[in-house]
Amino acid sequence: MSAKDDDWMQDLDMDEWNFIDSHETPTDIPGVFADPTWSELFRRYAETDFAENEYNFYLAVADYENSPSRERGSQMYQIFVAPGAPSEVNLQGPTVAALREWFGYDMSEWTSNLDPSEEDQARFEKGTVTDPPADVFAAARKDVTVNLSDVYLRWILAVSKAQKRTH
């Protein structure tokens, strides 16, 4: 067992140990996020595996899909996708390009520019004329799910080892 697994398990309280011991482990990532307790346990493990950004992005996408808005999408883009974003996630190039089309402009910079390029003007008009669809982040969620898959597999092994410790 790795030191990371030990660190993660050291922080479990008795209720969490009992939960792990008495509940069937989720069989996939959506199953992890479907249960608040499993989701929290996975979040704490993801932190130790440097995947907290991907975890938070996955939740943000679900939240966005339930209540899509240009403002929320723009916030997500700035937090998770934009170059140099504070919680940047690893996405495929075409996914980033598609999201940049919807959210990759700064209106304050555009409006201060008296002569915007045709490309900037088209992006601005696209962004103000129509709202992005609820599934605009679907490809990004798929990319992040792939990224989280390795973390999930390591987490499942750690949970399995934790379950064996309680027997």
Protein backbone atom coordinates (compact mmCIF):
# COMPACT_ATOMS: atom_id res chain seq x y z
CA MET A 1 0.00 0.00 0.00
CA SER A 2 1.38 3.40 -0.90
CA ALA A 3 2.00 6.19 1.58
CA LYS A 4 -0.73 8.17 -0.20
CA ASP A 5 -3.24 5.40 0.55
CA ASP A 6 -2.13 5.33 4.17
CA ASP A 7 -2.45 9.12 4.46
CA TRP A 8 -5.92 9.03 3.00
CA MET A 9 -7.05 6.22 5.27
CA GLN A 10 -5.57 7.81 8.41
CA ASP A 11 -8.03 10.65 8.05
CA LEU A 12 -11.11 8.40 7.96
CA ASP A 13 -13.33 8.58 11.00
CA MET A 14 -15.26 5.62 12.42
CA ASP A 15 -18.46 6.51 10.53
CA GLU A 16 -16.52 6.58 7.25
CA TRP A 17 -14.86 3.25 8.02
CA ASN A 18 -18.29 1.79 8.77
CA PHE A 19 -19.68 3.26 5.55
CA ILE A 20 -16.86 1.77 3.46
CA ASP A 21 -17.32 -1.58 5.15
CA SER A 22 -21.11 -1.71 4.76
CA HIS A 23 -21.72 -0.22 1.30
CA GLU A 24 -21.00 -1.58 -2.14
CA THR A 25 -18.24 0.36 -3.84
CA PRO A 26 -19.45 2.36 -6.87
CA THR A 27 -18.64 0.65 -10.15
CA ASP A 28 -17.90 3.82 -12.11
CA ILE A 29 -17.21 7.53 -11.76
CA PRO A 30 -20.85 8.64 -12.19
CA GLY A 31 -21.71 6.18 -9.41
CA VAL A 32 -19.17 7.84 -7.13
CA PHE A 33 -20.72 11.26 -7.74
CA ALA A 34 -24.26 9.92 -7.29
CA ASP A 35 -23.71 9.25 -3.58
CA PRO A 36 -22.65 12.18 -1.37
CA THR A 37 -20.58 10.03 1.00
CA TRP A 38 -18.70 8.20 -1.76
CA SER A 39 -18.24 11.52 -3.54
CA GLU A 40 -16.69 13.12 -0.44
CA LEU A 41 -14.40 10.15 0.12
CA PHE A 42 -13.32 10.27 -3.52
CA ARG A 43 -12.75 14.04 -3.28
CA ARG A 44 -10.40 13.57 -0.36
CA TYR A 45 -8.51 10.86 -2.22
CA ALA A 46 -8.40 13.01 -5.38
CA GLU A 47 -6.73 15.76 -3.34
CA THR A 48 -3.90 13.39 -2.46
CA ASP A 49 -3.62 12.39 -6.14
CA PHE A 50 -3.48 16.00 -7.40
CA ALA A 51 -6.83 15.59 -9.15
CA GLU A 52 -8.91 18.00 -7.09
CA ASN A 53 -9.36 20.35 -10.07
CA GLU A 54 -10.81 17.54 -12.18
CA TYR A 55 -13.12 16.54 -9.32
CA ASN A 56 -14.36 20.12 -8.87
CA PHE A 57 -14.79 20.59 -12.62
CA TYR A 58 -16.88 17.43 -12.87
CA LEU A 59 -19.22 18.80 -10.19
CA ALA A 60 -19.28 22.25 -11.80
CA VAL A 61 -20.36 20.74 -15.13
CA ALA A 62 -23.21 18.87 -13.44
CA ASP A 63 -24.28 22.10 -11.75
CA TYR A 64 -24.06 23.99 -15.05
CA GLU A 65 -26.15 21.38 -16.87
CA ASN A 66 -28.88 21.72 -14.23
CA SER A 67 -28.94 25.49 -14.54
CA PRO A 68 -27.06 26.70 -17.63
CA SER A 69 -26.21 30.36 -17.98
CA ARG A 70 -23.67 32.35 -19.92
CA GLU A 71 -22.37 33.85 -16.69
CA ARG A 72 -21.83 30.49 -15.01
CA GLY A 73 -20.24 29.05 -18.16
CA SER A 74 -17.88 32.02 -18.40
CA GLN A 75 -16.90 31.61 -14.75
CA MET A 76 -16.18 27.94 -15.31
CA TYR A 77 -14.13 28.75 -18.39
CA GLN A 78 -12.05 31.30 -16.46
CA ILE A 79 -11.54 28.98 -13.47
CA PHE A 80 -10.89 25.69 -15.26
CA VAL A 81 -10.17 26.11 -18.98
CA ALA A 82 -8.63 29.48 -19.91
CA PRO A 83 -4.87 29.57 -20.37
CA GLY A 84 -3.35 30.05 -16.93
CA ALA A 85 -6.65 29.31 -15.17
CA PRO A 86 -6.20 28.96 -11.39
CA SER A 87 -7.69 25.43 -11.40
CA GLU A 88 -6.86 24.43 -14.96
CA VAL A 89 -7.93 20.96 -16.04
CA ASN A 90 -6.33 18.89 -18.77
CA LEU A 91 -8.65 18.88 -21.79
CA GLN A 92 -8.19 17.81 -25.40
CA GLY A 93 -7.31 20.60 -27.85
CA PRO A 94 -10.60 20.44 -29.80
CA THR A 95 -12.54 20.61 -26.53
CA VAL A 96 -10.67 23.72 -25.42
CA ALA A 97 -11.15 25.32 -28.85
CA ALA A 98 -14.92 24.71 -28.75
CA LEU A 99 -15.21 26.20 -25.26
CA ARG A 100 -13.06 29.16 -26.28
CA GLU A 101 -15.59 29.89 -29.03
CA TRP A 102 -18.31 30.25 -26.42
CA PHE A 103 -16.45 31.76 -23.49
CA GLY A 104 -12.89 32.68 -24.51
CA TYR A 105 -13.18 36.40 -24.76
CA ASP A 106 -13.06 39.25 -22.32
CA MET A 107 -15.87 41.69 -23.08
CA SER A 108 -14.10 44.51 -21.23
CA GLU A 109 -11.11 44.15 -23.54
CA TRP A 110 -13.33 43.90 -26.60
CA THR A 111 -15.41 46.95 -25.74
CA SER A 112 -12.30 49.01 -25.01
CA ASN A 113 -10.94 48.13 -28.45
CA LEU A 114 -12.43 50.62 -30.89
CA ASP A 115 -11.59 48.46 -33.90
CA PRO A 116 -12.05 44.76 -33.04
CA SER A 117 -10.95 42.12 -35.49
CA GLU A 118 -13.66 40.32 -37.47
CA GLU A 119 -12.92 37.16 -35.47
CA ASP A 120 -13.33 38.98 -32.14
CA GLN A 121 -16.50 40.66 -33.34
CA ALA A 122 -17.96 37.33 -34.50
CA ARG A 123 -17.15 35.71 -31.16
CA PHE A 124 -18.66 38.62 -29.29
CA GLU A 125 -21.80 38.53 -31.40
CA LYS A 126 -22.09 34.76 -31.05
CA GLY A 127 -21.80 35.11 -27.31
CA THR A 128 -24.40 37.83 -26.97
CA VAL A 129 -26.93 36.65 -29.54
CA THR A 130 -27.33 33.09 -28.32
CA ASP A 131 -26.79 31.36 -25.03
CA PRO A 132 -24.59 28.28 -24.99
CA PRO A 133 -26.44 24.96 -24.85
CA ALA A 134 -26.77 23.07 -21.58
CA ASP A 135 -24.40 20.40 -22.93
CA VAL A 136 -21.66 22.83 -23.99
CA PHE A 137 -19.31 21.23 -21.43
CA ALA A 138 -20.21 17.61 -22.34
CA ALA A 139 -16.98 16.93 -24.24
CA ALA A 140 -14.99 18.54 -21.42
CA ARG A 141 -16.73 16.31 -18.88
CA LYS A 142 -15.81 13.31 -21.03
CA ASP A 143 -12.16 14.43 -21.12
CA VAL A 144 -12.10 14.93 -17.35
CA THR A 145 -13.81 11.58 -16.77
CA VAL A 146 -10.99 9.92 -18.72
CA ASN A 147 -8.47 11.82 -16.59
CA LEU A 148 -10.26 10.79 -13.39
CA SER A 149 -10.40 7.14 -14.47
CA ASP A 150 -6.83 6.46 -13.37
CA VAL A 151 -7.47 8.19 -10.05
CA TYR A 152 -10.68 6.20 -9.68
CA LEU A 153 -8.87 2.90 -10.22
CA ARG A 154 -6.24 3.76 -7.60
CA TRP A 155 -9.02 4.88 -5.24
CA ILE A 156 -10.94 1.63 -5.74
CA LEU A 157 -7.80 -0.29 -4.80
CA ALA A 158 -7.37 1.89 -1.70
CA VAL A 159 -11.03 1.35 -0.72
CA SER A 160 -10.64 -2.38 -1.25
CA LYS A 161 -7.58 -2.41 0.99
CA ALA A 162 -9.48 -0.38 3.57
CA GLN A 163 -12.32 -2.87 3.48
CA LYS A 164 -9.88 -5.74 4.02
CA ARG A 165 -8.43 -3.94 7.04
CA THR A 166 -11.83 -3.91 8.73
CA HIS A 167 -12.36 -7.66 8.39
